[in-house]
């Protein structure tokens, strides 16, 4: 029996789909070529989440709030748009651990 504090674990494939849906929503007005994947193949994994990155071929106007974001998906399927530190490996790994802790503390 599953209690309220237990949740089904999301697979990597499902997490990528959630991130892809978030990215598609965020970039719907910016994508001219729908054949371009909205996510890069690269991703990172921590104990409680995965981090996915928007395809750099999709150009977002810099004045838009979501012009440079990534997507963090918890192991239970909760998604967040987050800052993209892909070009700063140290900060990227730190942020991955922060987000993993965030999901852990909230039971997400």
C-alpha atoms as a PDB file:
ATOM      1  CA  UNK A   1       0.000   0.000   0.000  1.00  0.00           C
ATOM      2  CA  UNK A   2       1.281   3.475  -0.903  1.00  0.00           C
ATOM      3  CA  UNK A   3       1.036   6.230   1.677  1.00  0.00           C
ATOM      4  CA  UNK A   4       0.826   9.956   0.979  1.00  0.00           C
ATOM      5  CA  UNK A   5       4.552  10.330   1.651  1.00  0.00           C
ATOM      6  CA  UNK A   6       5.464   7.694  -0.926  1.00  0.00           C
ATOM      7  CA  UNK A   7       5.388   8.425  -4.628  1.00  0.00           C
ATOM      8  CA  UNK A   8       6.122   6.446  -7.734  1.00  0.00           C
ATOM      9  CA  UNK A   9       9.607   7.059  -9.057  1.00  0.00           C
ATOM     10  CA  UNK A  10       9.775   8.732 -12.447  1.00  0.00           C
ATOM     11  CA  UNK A  11      11.986   7.167 -15.095  1.00  0.00           C
ATOM     12  CA  UNK A  12      14.629   9.103 -16.992  1.00  0.00           C
ATOM     13  CA  UNK A  13      12.494   8.803 -20.129  1.00  0.00           C
ATOM     14  CA  UNK A  14       9.447  10.250 -18.319  1.00  0.00           C
ATOM     15  CA  UNK A  15      11.542  13.042 -16.810  1.00  0.00           C
ATOM     16  CA  UNK A  16      12.888  13.959 -20.256  1.00  0.00           C
ATOM     17  CA  UNK A  17       9.300  14.069 -21.571  1.00  0.00           C
ATOM     18  CA  UNK A  18       8.260  16.413 -18.736  1.00  0.00           C
ATOM     19  CA  UNK A  19      11.253  18.671 -19.401  1.00  0.00           C
ATOM     20  CA  UNK A  20      10.534  18.586 -23.130  1.00  0.00           C
ATOM     21  CA  UNK A  21       6.933  19.638 -22.507  1.00  0.00           C
ATOM     22  CA  UNK A  22       8.092  22.528 -20.304  1.00  0.00           C
ATOM     23  CA  UNK A  23      10.625  23.642 -22.908  1.00  0.00           C
ATOM     24  CA  UNK A  24       8.085  23.364 -25.729  1.00  0.00           C
ATOM     25  CA  UNK A  25       5.645  25.530 -23.765  1.00  0.00           C
ATOM     26  CA  UNK A  26       8.341  28.109 -22.936  1.00  0.00           C
ATOM     27  CA  UNK A  27       9.540  28.344 -26.535  1.00  0.00           C
ATOM     28  CA  UNK A  28       6.284  27.875 -28.473  1.00  0.00           C
ATOM     29  CA  UNK A  29       6.361  31.398 -29.925  1.00  0.00           C
ATOM     30  CA  UNK A  30      10.098  31.224 -30.716  1.00  0.00           C
ATOM     31  CA  UNK A  31      10.397  27.960 -32.628  1.00  0.00           C
ATOM     32  CA  UNK A  32      10.041  28.212 -36.374  1.00  0.00           C
ATOM     33  CA  UNK A  33      11.267  24.713 -37.212  1.00  0.00           C
ATOM     34  CA  UNK A  34       9.235  22.162 -35.198  1.00  0.00           C
ATOM     35  CA  UNK A  35      11.587  19.359 -36.274  1.00  0.00           C
ATOM     36  CA  UNK A  36      14.334  20.678 -33.989  1.00  0.00           C
ATOM     37  CA  UNK A  37      14.361  18.881 -30.608  1.00  0.00           C
ATOM     38  CA  UNK A  38      13.689  21.332 -27.773  1.00  0.00           C
ATOM     39  CA  UNK A  39      16.226  19.651 -25.466  1.00  0.00           C
ATOM     40  CA  UNK A  40      19.897  18.869 -25.845  1.00  0.00           C
ATOM     41  CA  UNK A  41      20.951  15.250 -25.440  1.00  0.00           C
ATOM     42  CA  UNK A  42      23.041  16.250 -22.401  1.00  0.00           C
ATOM     43  CA  UNK A  43      21.548  15.929 -18.944  1.00  0.00           C
ATOM     44  CA  UNK A  44      22.777  15.654 -15.367  1.00  0.00           C
ATOM     45  CA  UNK A  45      21.522  13.436 -12.588  1.00  0.00           C
ATOM     46  CA  UNK A  46      21.579  13.835  -8.821  1.00  0.00           C
ATOM     47  CA  UNK A  47      20.028  11.720  -6.104  1.00  0.00           C
ATOM     48  CA  UNK A  48      16.620  13.420  -6.264  1.00  0.00           C
ATOM     49  CA  UNK A  49      16.467  14.959  -9.737  1.00  0.00           C
ATOM     50  CA  UNK A  50      17.645  15.291 -13.310  1.00  0.00           C
ATOM     51  CA  UNK A  51      18.605  18.512 -15.063  1.00  0.00           C
ATOM     52  CA  UNK A  52      17.916  18.991 -18.778  1.00  0.00           C
ATOM     53  CA  UNK A  53      19.041  21.774 -21.087  1.00  0.00           C
ATOM     54  CA  UNK A  54      17.244  23.568 -23.868  1.00  0.00           C
ATOM     55  CA  UNK A  55      18.612  23.068 -27.367  1.00  0.00           C
ATOM     56  CA  UNK A  56      20.991  25.965 -28.082  1.00  0.00           C
ATOM     57  CA  UNK A  57      19.711  26.056 -31.683  1.00  0.00           C
ATOM     58  CA  UNK A  58      16.521  27.610 -30.294  1.00  0.00           C
ATOM     59  CA  UNK A  59      17.191  31.319 -29.970  1.00  0.00           C
ATOM     60  CA  UNK A  60      15.129  33.199 -27.404  1.00  0.00           C
ATOM     61  CA  UNK A  61      15.106  36.995 -27.289  1.00  0.00           C
ATOM     62  CA  UNK A  62      17.382  38.049 -24.397  1.00  0.00           C
ATOM     63  CA  UNK A  63      14.733  40.381 -22.959  1.00  0.00           C
ATOM     64  CA  UNK A  64      12.442  37.423 -22.303  1.00  0.00           C
ATOM     65  CA  UNK A  65      12.428  36.169 -18.723  1.00  0.00           C
ATOM     66  CA  UNK A  66      13.055  32.574 -19.815  1.00  0.00           C
ATOM     67  CA  UNK A  67      15.727  33.383 -22.384  1.00  0.00           C
ATOM     68  CA  UNK A  68      18.365  31.246 -20.667  1.00  0.00           C
ATOM     69  CA  UNK A  69      16.832  28.451 -18.632  1.00  0.00           C
ATOM     70  CA  UNK A  70      17.153  24.743 -18.022  1.00  0.00           C
ATOM     71  CA  UNK A  71      14.695  22.257 -16.546  1.00  0.00           C
ATOM     72  CA  UNK A  72      15.011  20.297 -13.340  1.00  0.00           C
ATOM     73  CA  UNK A  73      12.715  17.314 -12.883  1.00  0.00           C
ATOM     74  CA  UNK A  74      12.408  15.510  -9.565  1.00  0.00           C
ATOM     75  CA  UNK A  75      12.529  11.731  -9.277  1.00  0.00           C
ATOM     76  CA  UNK A  76       8.796  11.957  -8.589  1.00  0.00           C
ATOM     77  CA  UNK A  77       8.000  13.986 -11.718  1.00  0.00           C
ATOM     78  CA  UNK A  78       7.833  17.551 -10.404  1.00  0.00           C
ATOM     79  CA  UNK A  79       9.324  20.060 -12.849  1.00  0.00           C
ATOM     80  CA  UNK A  80      10.922  23.480 -12.455  1.00  0.00           C
ATOM     81  CA  UNK A  81      12.322  25.963 -14.939  1.00  0.00           C
ATOM     82  CA  UNK A  82      15.678  27.024 -13.546  1.00  0.00           C
ATOM     83  CA  UNK A  83      18.716  29.124 -14.411  1.00  0.00           C
ATOM     84  CA  UNK A  84      20.971  27.519 -17.018  1.00  0.00           C
ATOM     85  CA  UNK A  85      24.597  27.329 -15.838  1.00  0.00           C
ATOM     86  CA  UNK A  86      25.635  24.876 -18.578  1.00  0.00           C
ATOM     87  CA  UNK A  87      28.685  27.000 -19.461  1.00  0.00           C
ATOM     88  CA  UNK A  88      29.879  27.177 -15.834  1.00  0.00           C
ATOM     89  CA  UNK A  89      30.541  23.553 -14.752  1.00  0.00           C
ATOM     90  CA  UNK A  90      31.303  24.390 -11.106  1.00  0.00           C
ATOM     91  CA  UNK A  91      28.189  26.478 -10.607  1.00  0.00           C
ATOM     92  CA  UNK A  92      26.169  23.939 -12.607  1.00  0.00           C
ATOM     93  CA  UNK A  93      27.134  21.041 -10.296  1.00  0.00           C
ATOM     94  CA  UNK A  94      26.465  23.208  -7.216  1.00  0.00           C
ATOM     95  CA  UNK A  95      23.022  24.157  -8.520  1.00  0.00           C
ATOM     96  CA  UNK A  96      22.222  20.529  -9.345  1.00  0.00           C
ATOM     97  CA  UNK A  97      22.891  19.624  -5.693  1.00  0.00           C
ATOM     98  CA  UNK A  98      20.834  22.597  -4.477  1.00  0.00           C
ATOM     99  CA  UNK A  99      17.879  21.497  -6.594  1.00  0.00           C
ATOM    100  CA  UNK A 100      18.267  17.887  -5.487  1.00  0.00           C
ATOM    101  CA  UNK A 101      18.154  19.084  -1.872  1.00  0.00           C
ATOM    102  CA  UNK A 102      15.132  21.251  -2.653  1.00  0.00           C
ATOM    103  CA  UNK A 103      13.183  18.268  -3.976  1.00  0.00           C
ATOM    104  CA  UNK A 104      14.306  16.058  -1.097  1.00  0.00           C
ATOM    105  CA  UNK A 105      13.305  18.557   1.609  1.00  0.00           C
ATOM    106  CA  UNK A 106       9.864  19.045   0.095  1.00  0.00           C
ATOM    107  CA  UNK A 107       9.247  15.385  -0.621  1.00  0.00           C
ATOM    108  CA  UNK A 108       8.882  16.127  -4.300  1.00  0.00           C
END
